[in-house]
């Protein structure tokens, strides 16, 4: 029954406005980009890919060792099982942060070398340190929930615990817009007016558009749809509003982000999170039974390892889901703008600006790509154009 309910929920969440059997033309990268550009993109991405893979393997190996030997670091003290569990979890998280540090610095060095990032090494480390503080707070709350529930309901903690984590995910999505620094209102009247027109066509209420100043950090263009209900907004990176992008291309970006809101992708993301979090909590409860279950603080390192391992295993499927929603947002943008030419130009510029390989190796695409490739997005724009011309 649980499996049937999972499949039914997944089927509902998977529904899309992209036509089934869309005939995408076969586009070769060499027809879009010079050979030198493709070579540079593949060289850039190759370093990023292997930096990511080696980092994941090192983290999994060390956290596996911590799962075995971690309880020796902190014995139960006056803090009690919950406090001891928090200490063990924070110690493990500290190990992960230290392990990620050299790989993150290597990626930053590579980005600076290719003029993708302007951030200093000190800024990056300090930002990561403050981010670690936020993670510590979240871990403390998670351990409080898990160990507290486990001591009350035993190995069935995963059921109310999974529901609690889904609630926390919804809360985070609701308040996240207020956590983005450097936001200012959009001051481009033409773009703002076009956004209002798109909102009316999509049946959306007014959704504020904010600009995040990232000029001191990166040259990469980006935008995002964030928030739920009254906190919904579209955030454009300041790089999108540079002269490198025309007004028509900026309109495609805004239409894409409004498409996320119109198709309720943020709510769907929480739904997908629930479909992973609740079974994941069950598996963690099952795995940690060998240490007495999550009511026992000594099971926390093993639970942390199980969480990271399950997250890594689920990564390809999660990427499929996000690529599916991004494709739908692209389709919504094409239907709003009726401008496949500028959509194609935008995707080309994105690919060049971020040094992205428009046709990455399959293993990299499966493990790392949260968006369709530049080539796939261009093929969709051309498919939309062919479909419109073929319509009676």
Protein backbone atom coordinates (compact mmCIF):
# COMPACT_ATOMS: atom_id res chain seq x y z
CA UNK A 1 0.00 0.00 0.00
CA UNK A 2 2.84 2.36 0.85
CA UNK A 3 4.56 1.61 -2.47
CA UNK A 4 1.30 2.18 -4.37
CA UNK A 5 0.76 5.49 -2.59
CA UNK A 6 4.36 6.52 -3.40
CA UNK A 7 3.90 5.69 -7.09
CA UNK A 8 0.56 7.54 -7.26
CA UNK A 9 2.06 10.63 -5.63
CA UNK A 10 5.11 10.50 -7.92
CA UNK A 11 2.83 10.20 -10.97
CA UNK A 12 0.88 13.29 -9.89
CA UNK A 13 4.04 15.31 -9.22
CA UNK A 14 5.56 14.27 -12.56
CA UNK A 15 2.75 15.77 -14.65
CA UNK A 16 3.99 18.41 -17.08
CA UNK A 17 2.68 20.80 -19.70
CA UNK A 18 5.43 19.78 -22.14
CA UNK A 19 3.76 17.77 -24.93
CA UNK A 20 4.41 14.05 -24.92
CA UNK A 21 6.58 12.79 -27.75
CA UNK A 22 7.94 16.26 -28.54
CA UNK A 23 9.97 15.97 -31.74
CA UNK A 24 13.31 17.58 -30.88
CA UNK A 25 15.65 18.15 -33.81
CA UNK A 26 19.13 16.70 -33.56
CA UNK A 27 21.48 19.65 -33.08
CA UNK A 28 25.25 19.18 -33.11
CA UNK A 29 27.37 21.33 -30.75
CA UNK A 30 29.76 22.16 -33.60
CA UNK A 31 26.92 23.88 -35.45
CA UNK A 32 26.40 26.27 -32.54
CA UNK A 33 29.82 26.95 -31.06
CA UNK A 34 33.37 27.33 -32.41
CA UNK A 35 35.65 24.36 -31.81
CA UNK A 36 37.83 26.49 -29.51
CA UNK A 37 34.82 27.31 -27.32
CA UNK A 38 33.80 23.66 -27.07
CA UNK A 39 37.36 22.61 -26.21
CA UNK A 40 37.62 25.27 -23.49
CA UNK A 41 34.24 24.28 -22.02
CA UNK A 42 35.16 20.61 -21.90
CA UNK A 43 38.50 21.39 -20.26
CA UNK A 44 36.80 23.60 -17.68
CA UNK A 45 34.05 21.08 -16.90
CA UNK A 46 36.49 18.17 -16.71
CA UNK A 47 38.22 19.71 -13.69
CA UNK A 48 34.89 20.54 -12.00
CA UNK A 49 33.60 17.00 -12.57
CA UNK A 50 36.59 15.19 -11.09
CA UNK A 51 36.88 17.63 -8.22
CA UNK A 52 33.26 16.77 -7.37
CA UNK A 53 33.72 13.00 -7.75
CA UNK A 54 36.90 12.80 -5.67
CA UNK A 55 35.33 15.01 -2.98
CA UNK A 56 32.29 12.73 -2.75
CA UNK A 57 34.40 9.60 -2.52
CA UNK A 58 36.64 11.07 0.18
CA UNK A 59 33.65 12.28 2.19
CA UNK A 60 31.90 8.90 1.97
CA UNK A 61 35.07 7.09 3.03
CA UNK A 62 35.78 9.33 6.01
CA UNK A 63 32.16 9.43 7.18
CA UNK A 64 32.06 5.63 6.95
CA UNK A 65 35.11 5.54 9.23
CA UNK A 66 33.44 8.05 11.54
CA UNK A 67 30.33 5.85 11.67
CA UNK A 68 32.53 3.06 12.99
CA UNK A 69 34.80 4.96 15.35
CA UNK A 70 32.80 8.13 16.06
CA UNK A 71 31.21 7.01 19.33
CA UNK A 72 34.70 6.77 20.84
CA UNK A 73 35.14 10.56 20.53
CA UNK A 74 32.25 11.54 22.76
CA UNK A 75 30.83 9.36 25.47
CA UNK A 76 27.43 10.08 27.00
CA UNK A 77 27.85 12.82 29.59
CA UNK A 78 25.75 15.12 31.71
CA UNK A 79 24.33 16.44 28.44
CA UNK A 80 22.27 13.26 28.20
CA UNK A 81 21.59 11.24 25.03
CA UNK A 82 20.17 14.18 23.07
CA UNK A 83 23.05 16.51 23.94
CA UNK A 84 25.60 13.78 23.25
CA UNK A 85 23.90 13.02 19.93
CA UNK A 86 24.14 16.69 18.99
CA UNK A 87 27.85 16.74 19.82
CA UNK A 88 28.49 13.64 17.73
CA UNK A 89 26.49 15.05 14.80
CA UNK A 90 28.26 18.41 14.94
CA UNK A 91 31.64 16.71 15.14
CA UNK A 92 30.80 14.68 12.04
CA UNK A 93 29.58 17.78 10.24
CA UNK A 94 32.80 19.55 11.17
CA UNK A 95 34.79 16.69 9.62
CA UNK A 96 32.74 16.97 6.43
CA UNK A 97 33.34 20.74 6.24
CA UNK A 98 37.09 20.30 6.67
CA UNK A 99 37.12 17.59 4.00
CA UNK A 100 35.20 19.77 1.56
CA UNK A 101 37.46 22.77 2.18
CA UNK A 102 40.40 21.84 -0.10
CA UNK A 103 38.09 20.68 -2.88
CA UNK A 104 36.00 23.86 -2.61
CA UNK A 105 39.13 26.02 -2.70
CA UNK A 106 40.37 24.09 -5.74
CA UNK A 107 37.06 24.74 -7.53
CA UNK A 108 37.23 28.43 -6.59
CA UNK A 109 40.81 28.62 -7.90
CA UNK A 110 39.63 27.11 -11.19
CA UNK A 111 36.68 29.51 -11.41
CA UNK A 112 38.91 32.52 -10.70
CA UNK A 113 41.38 31.34 -13.30
CA UNK A 114 38.57 31.27 -15.90
CA UNK A 115 37.05 34.57 -14.72
CA UNK A 116 33.84 32.93 -13.53
CA UNK A 117 34.30 33.97 -9.90
CA UNK A 118 35.61 37.19 -8.33
CA UNK A 119 35.33 35.98 -4.75
CA UNK A 120 38.52 35.97 -2.68
CA UNK A 121 39.66 32.82 -0.91
CA UNK A 122 39.14 34.52 2.45
CA UNK A 123 35.57 35.51 1.54
CA UNK A 124 34.84 31.95 0.47
CA UNK A 125 36.19 30.42 3.66
CA UNK A 126 34.40 32.94 5.90
CA UNK A 127 31.16 32.43 3.99
CA UNK A 128 31.53 28.68 4.35
CA UNK A 129 32.21 29.08 8.07
CA UNK A 130 29.02 31.06 8.60
CA UNK A 131 27.18 28.50 6.49
CA UNK A 132 28.55 25.79 8.77
CA UNK A 133 27.07 27.65 11.75
CA UNK A 134 23.66 27.51 10.09
CA UNK A 135 24.11 23.81 9.42
CA UNK A 136 25.02 23.24 13.06
CA UNK A 137 21.75 24.88 14.11
CA UNK A 138 19.80 22.72 11.69
CA UNK A 139 21.59 19.56 12.85
CA UNK A 140 20.85 20.41 16.48
CA UNK A 141 17.17 20.77 15.63
CA UNK A 142 17.18 17.55 13.59
CA UNK A 143 18.85 15.55 16.37
CA UNK A 144 16.46 17.04 18.91
CA UNK A 145 13.55 15.82 16.80
CA UNK A 146 14.97 12.41 15.91
CA UNK A 147 16.45 11.37 19.26
CA UNK A 148 13.55 12.91 21.16
CA UNK A 149 10.98 11.03 19.08
CA UNK A 150 13.01 7.82 19.18
CA UNK A 151 13.02 7.87 22.96
CA UNK A 152 9.22 8.23 22.97
CA UNK A 153 8.04 6.01 20.09
CA UNK A 154 11.14 3.85 19.54
CA UNK A 155 12.01 2.67 16.04
CA UNK A 156 8.81 4.23 14.69
CA UNK A 157 10.35 7.71 15.05
CA UNK A 158 10.82 7.84 11.27
CA UNK A 159 7.12 8.35 10.60
CA UNK A 160 6.50 11.54 12.66
CA UNK A 161 10.16 12.50 12.14
CA UNK A 162 9.83 12.37 8.34
CA UNK A 163 6.67 14.47 8.52
CA UNK A 164 8.49 16.99 10.74
CA UNK A 165 11.34 17.28 8.25
CA UNK A 166 8.87 17.92 5.43
CA UNK A 167 7.33 20.68 7.55
CA UNK A 168 10.77 22.18 8.12
CA UNK A 169 11.46 22.05 4.38
CA UNK A 170 8.22 23.95 3.71
CA UNK A 171 9.11 26.50 6.38
CA UNK A 172 12.57 26.98 4.88
CA UNK A 173 11.10 27.46 1.39
CA UNK A 174 8.72 30.06 2.84
CA UNK A 175 11.41 32.14 4.59
CA UNK A 176 14.24 31.61 2.11
CA UNK A 177 13.51 34.80 0.08
CA UNK A 178 14.34 36.85 3.17
CA UNK A 179 17.71 35.13 3.53
CA UNK A 180 19.06 36.18 0.11
CA UNK A 181 21.43 39.13 0.59
CA UNK A 182 21.79 42.26 -1.53
CA UNK A 183 18.27 42.42 -3.00
CA UNK A 184 16.89 45.57 -4.60
CA UNK A 185 13.68 46.16 -6.60
CA UNK A 186 13.87 45.78 -10.37
CA UNK A 187 14.20 49.23 -11.97
CA UNK A 188 13.71 48.32 -15.63
CA UNK A 189 10.19 49.57 -16.53
CA UNK A 190 9.96 47.67 -19.82
CA UNK A 191 10.96 44.37 -18.26
CA UNK A 192 8.67 44.98 -15.30
CA UNK A 193 5.74 45.74 -17.60
CA UNK A 194 6.34 42.58 -19.60
CA UNK A 195 6.48 40.56 -16.38
CA UNK A 196 3.04 41.92 -15.41
CA UNK A 197 1.72 40.82 -18.79
CA UNK A 198 3.11 37.31 -18.23
CA UNK A 199 1.54 37.16 -14.77
CA UNK A 200 -1.87 37.97 -16.20
CA UNK A 201 -1.50 35.38 -18.94
CA UNK A 202 -0.49 32.73 -16.39
CA UNK A 203 -3.23 33.68 -13.93
CA UNK A 204 -0.69 34.63 -11.27
CA UNK A 205 -1.01 37.39 -8.70
CA UNK A 206 1.67 40.06 -8.71
CA UNK A 207 5.03 38.46 -7.90
CA UNK A 208 7.81 40.90 -6.98
CA UNK A 209 11.02 40.82 -9.00
CA UNK A 210 14.22 41.53 -7.09
CA UNK A 211 17.79 41.99 -8.28
CA UNK A 212 20.64 40.44 -6.31
CA UNK A 213 23.96 42.22 -6.71
CA UNK A 214 26.59 39.54 -7.36
CA UNK A 215 29.03 41.75 -9.27
CA UNK A 216 31.72 41.30 -6.64
CA UNK A 217 31.37 37.52 -6.60
CA UNK A 218 30.80 36.10 -10.07
CA UNK A 219 30.37 36.83 -13.76
CA UNK A 220 27.96 33.90 -14.21
CA UNK A 221 24.34 34.76 -15.09
CA UNK A 222 21.54 33.22 -13.06
CA UNK A 223 18.02 33.72 -11.73
CA UNK A 224 15.70 31.82 -9.42
CA UNK A 225 12.08 31.51 -8.39
CA UNK A 226 11.79 31.40 -4.59
CA UNK A 227 9.19 31.50 -1.86
CA UNK A 228 5.73 30.15 -1.20
CA UNK A 229 2.42 32.00 -1.12
CA UNK A 230 2.93 35.61 0.02
CA UNK A 231 6.73 35.28 -0.01
CA UNK A 232 6.96 34.30 -3.69
CA UNK A 233 9.35 36.32 -5.80
CA UNK A 234 11.72 36.15 -8.73
CA UNK A 235 15.37 36.96 -8.03
CA UNK A 236 17.56 38.03 -10.95
CA UNK A 237 21.30 38.11 -10.54
CA UNK A 238 22.71 41.49 -11.55
CA UNK A 239 24.74 39.72 -14.24
CA UNK A 240 21.51 38.98 -16.13
CA UNK A 241 20.89 42.72 -16.49
CA UNK A 242 24.30 43.43 -18.03
CA UNK A 243 24.55 44.67 -21.64
CA UNK A 244 25.55 41.14 -22.67
CA UNK A 245 21.84 40.26 -22.62
CA UNK A 246 19.16 41.97 -24.68
CA UNK A 247 15.78 42.96 -23.29
CA UNK A 248 14.17 40.09 -25.21
CA UNK A 249 16.57 37.58 -23.64
CA UNK A 250 15.89 39.01 -20.19
CA UNK A 251 12.17 38.58 -20.87
CA UNK A 252 12.81 34.87 -21.56
CA UNK A 253 14.53 34.59 -18.16
CA UNK A 254 11.65 36.28 -16.34
CA UNK A 255 9.08 34.14 -18.19
CA UNK A 256 11.02 31.01 -17.22
CA UNK A 257 11.05 31.92 -13.52
CA UNK A 258 7.37 32.87 -13.54
CA UNK A 259 6.76 29.50 -15.19
CA UNK A 260 8.19 27.84 -12.07
CA UNK A 261 5.64 29.69 -9.93
CA UNK A 262 2.76 29.06 -12.34
CA UNK A 263 3.46 25.33 -12.45
CA UNK A 264 3.88 25.20 -8.64
CA UNK A 265 7.36 23.76 -8.89
CA UNK A 266 8.38 24.89 -5.41
CA UNK A 267 5.41 23.10 -3.86
CA UNK A 268 6.15 20.08 -6.04
CA UNK A 269 9.75 20.15 -4.84
CA UNK A 270 8.49 19.85 -1.26
CA UNK A 271 6.27 16.98 -2.37
CA UNK A 272 9.24 15.23 -3.96
CA UNK A 273 11.26 15.88 -0.81
CA UNK A 274 8.55 14.14 1.19
CA UNK A 275 8.68 11.13 -1.14
CA UNK A 276 12.40 10.82 -0.43
CA UNK A 277 12.58 12.02 3.19
CA UNK A 278 10.02 9.66 4.73
CA UNK A 279 11.36 6.42 3.14
CA UNK A 280 14.88 7.73 3.82
CA UNK A 281 14.06 8.21 7.50
CA UNK A 282 12.70 4.64 7.58
CA UNK A 283 15.94 3.28 6.10
CA UNK A 284 18.03 5.27 8.58
CA UNK A 285 15.91 3.85 11.42
CA UNK A 286 16.45 0.36 10.00
CA UNK A 287 20.22 0.79 9.55
CA UNK A 288 20.80 2.28 13.01
CA UNK A 289 19.06 -0.58 14.83
CA UNK A 290 22.44 -2.31 15.02
CA UNK A 291 23.52 0.51 17.36
CA UNK A 292 20.36 0.42 19.45
CA UNK A 293 18.38 2.79 17.23
CA UNK A 294 18.38 6.58 17.15
CA UNK A 295 17.30 6.73 20.80
CA UNK A 296 20.93 5.83 21.50
CA UNK A 297 23.43 8.68 20.94
CA UNK A 298 26.07 6.23 19.72
CA UNK A 299 23.92 5.52 16.66
CA UNK A 300 24.17 9.14 15.47
CA UNK A 301 27.46 8.74 13.48
CA UNK A 302 26.00 5.70 11.71
CA UNK A 303 22.81 7.66 11.02
CA UNK A 304 24.90 10.50 9.54
CA UNK A 305 26.70 8.07 7.25
CA UNK A 306 23.40 6.49 6.17
CA UNK A 307 22.00 9.95 5.40
CA UNK A 308 24.96 10.92 3.21
CA UNK A 309 25.05 7.54 1.47
CA UNK A 310 21.32 7.60 0.71
CA UNK A 311 21.55 11.21 -0.50
CA UNK A 312 24.37 10.23 -2.88
CA UNK A 313 22.43 7.24 -4.19
CA UNK A 314 19.32 9.38 -4.72
CA UNK A 315 21.24 12.16 -6.51
CA UNK A 316 20.69 10.87 -10.08
CA UNK A 317 16.93 10.58 -9.54
CA UNK A 318 16.75 14.01 -7.91
CA UNK A 319 18.59 15.46 -10.92
CA UNK A 320 16.06 13.84 -13.26
CA UNK A 321 13.27 15.55 -11.32
CA UNK A 322 14.85 19.02 -11.34
CA UNK A 323 15.70 18.74 -15.05
CA UNK A 324 12.09 17.77 -15.71
CA UNK A 325 10.79 20.90 -13.96
CA UNK A 326 13.37 23.14 -15.63
CA UNK A 327 12.31 21.81 -19.02
CA UNK A 328 8.71 22.64 -18.23
CA UNK A 329 9.68 26.18 -17.18
CA UNK A 330 11.49 26.55 -20.53
CA UNK A 331 8.33 25.40 -22.32
CA UNK A 332 6.19 27.88 -20.40
CA UNK A 333 8.65 30.66 -21.32
CA UNK A 334 8.45 29.75 -25.01
CA UNK A 335 4.64 29.84 -24.90
CA UNK A 336 4.71 33.23 -23.17
CA UNK A 337 7.35 34.97 -25.27
CA UNK A 338 6.72 33.27 -28.64
CA UNK A 339 10.40 33.99 -29.20
CA UNK A 340 12.44 30.80 -29.78
CA UNK A 341 15.18 32.80 -31.46
CA UNK A 342 16.01 34.85 -28.39
CA UNK A 343 15.57 31.79 -26.17
CA UNK A 344 18.19 30.01 -28.26
CA UNK A 345 20.50 33.04 -28.11
CA UNK A 346 20.06 33.15 -24.32
CA UNK A 347 20.97 29.50 -23.88
CA UNK A 348 24.04 29.95 -26.07
CA UNK A 349 25.19 32.90 -23.98
CA UNK A 350 24.55 30.98 -20.75
CA UNK A 351 26.68 28.11 -22.05
CA UNK A 352 29.56 30.37 -23.03
CA UNK A 353 29.43 32.56 -19.90
CA UNK A 354 29.52 29.59 -17.52
CA UNK A 355 32.01 27.52 -19.61
CA UNK A 356 29.46 24.70 -19.62
CA UNK A 357 29.91 21.67 -21.82
CA UNK A 358 26.77 21.68 -24.04
CA UNK A 359 27.00 17.90 -24.38
CA UNK A 360 28.66 16.44 -21.24
CA UNK A 361 29.53 12.75 -20.72
CA UNK A 362 26.57 10.63 -19.67
CA UNK A 363 27.92 9.83 -16.19
CA UNK A 364 28.48 13.53 -15.51
CA UNK A 365 25.02 14.40 -16.83
CA UNK A 366 23.43 11.79 -14.55
CA UNK A 367 25.34 12.73 -11.41
CA UNK A 368 25.76 16.50 -11.67
CA UNK A 369 23.37 18.20 -14.07
CA UNK A 370 20.35 19.75 -12.33
CA UNK A 371 19.29 21.54 -15.54
CA UNK A 372 18.95 20.39 -19.13
CA UNK A 373 22.15 20.95 -21.07
CA UNK A 374 22.48 24.01 -23.27
CA UNK A 375 22.08 21.74 -26.28
CA UNK A 376 18.85 20.22 -24.96
CA UNK A 377 17.39 23.65 -24.25
CA UNK A 378 18.21 24.85 -27.75
CA UNK A 379 16.65 21.70 -29.21
CA UNK A 380 13.47 22.42 -27.24
CA UNK A 381 13.34 25.99 -28.58
CA UNK A 382 13.65 24.70 -32.13
CA UNK A 383 11.06 21.97 -31.46
CA UNK A 384 8.64 24.65 -30.23
CA UNK A 385 9.22 26.66 -33.39
CA UNK A 386 8.64 23.64 -35.66
CA UNK A 387 5.49 22.75 -33.73
CA UNK A 388 4.08 26.27 -34.05
CA UNK A 389 4.79 26.40 -37.77
CA UNK A 390 3.15 22.99 -38.24
CA UNK A 391 -0.03 24.08 -36.37
CA UNK A 392 -3.02 24.81 -38.66
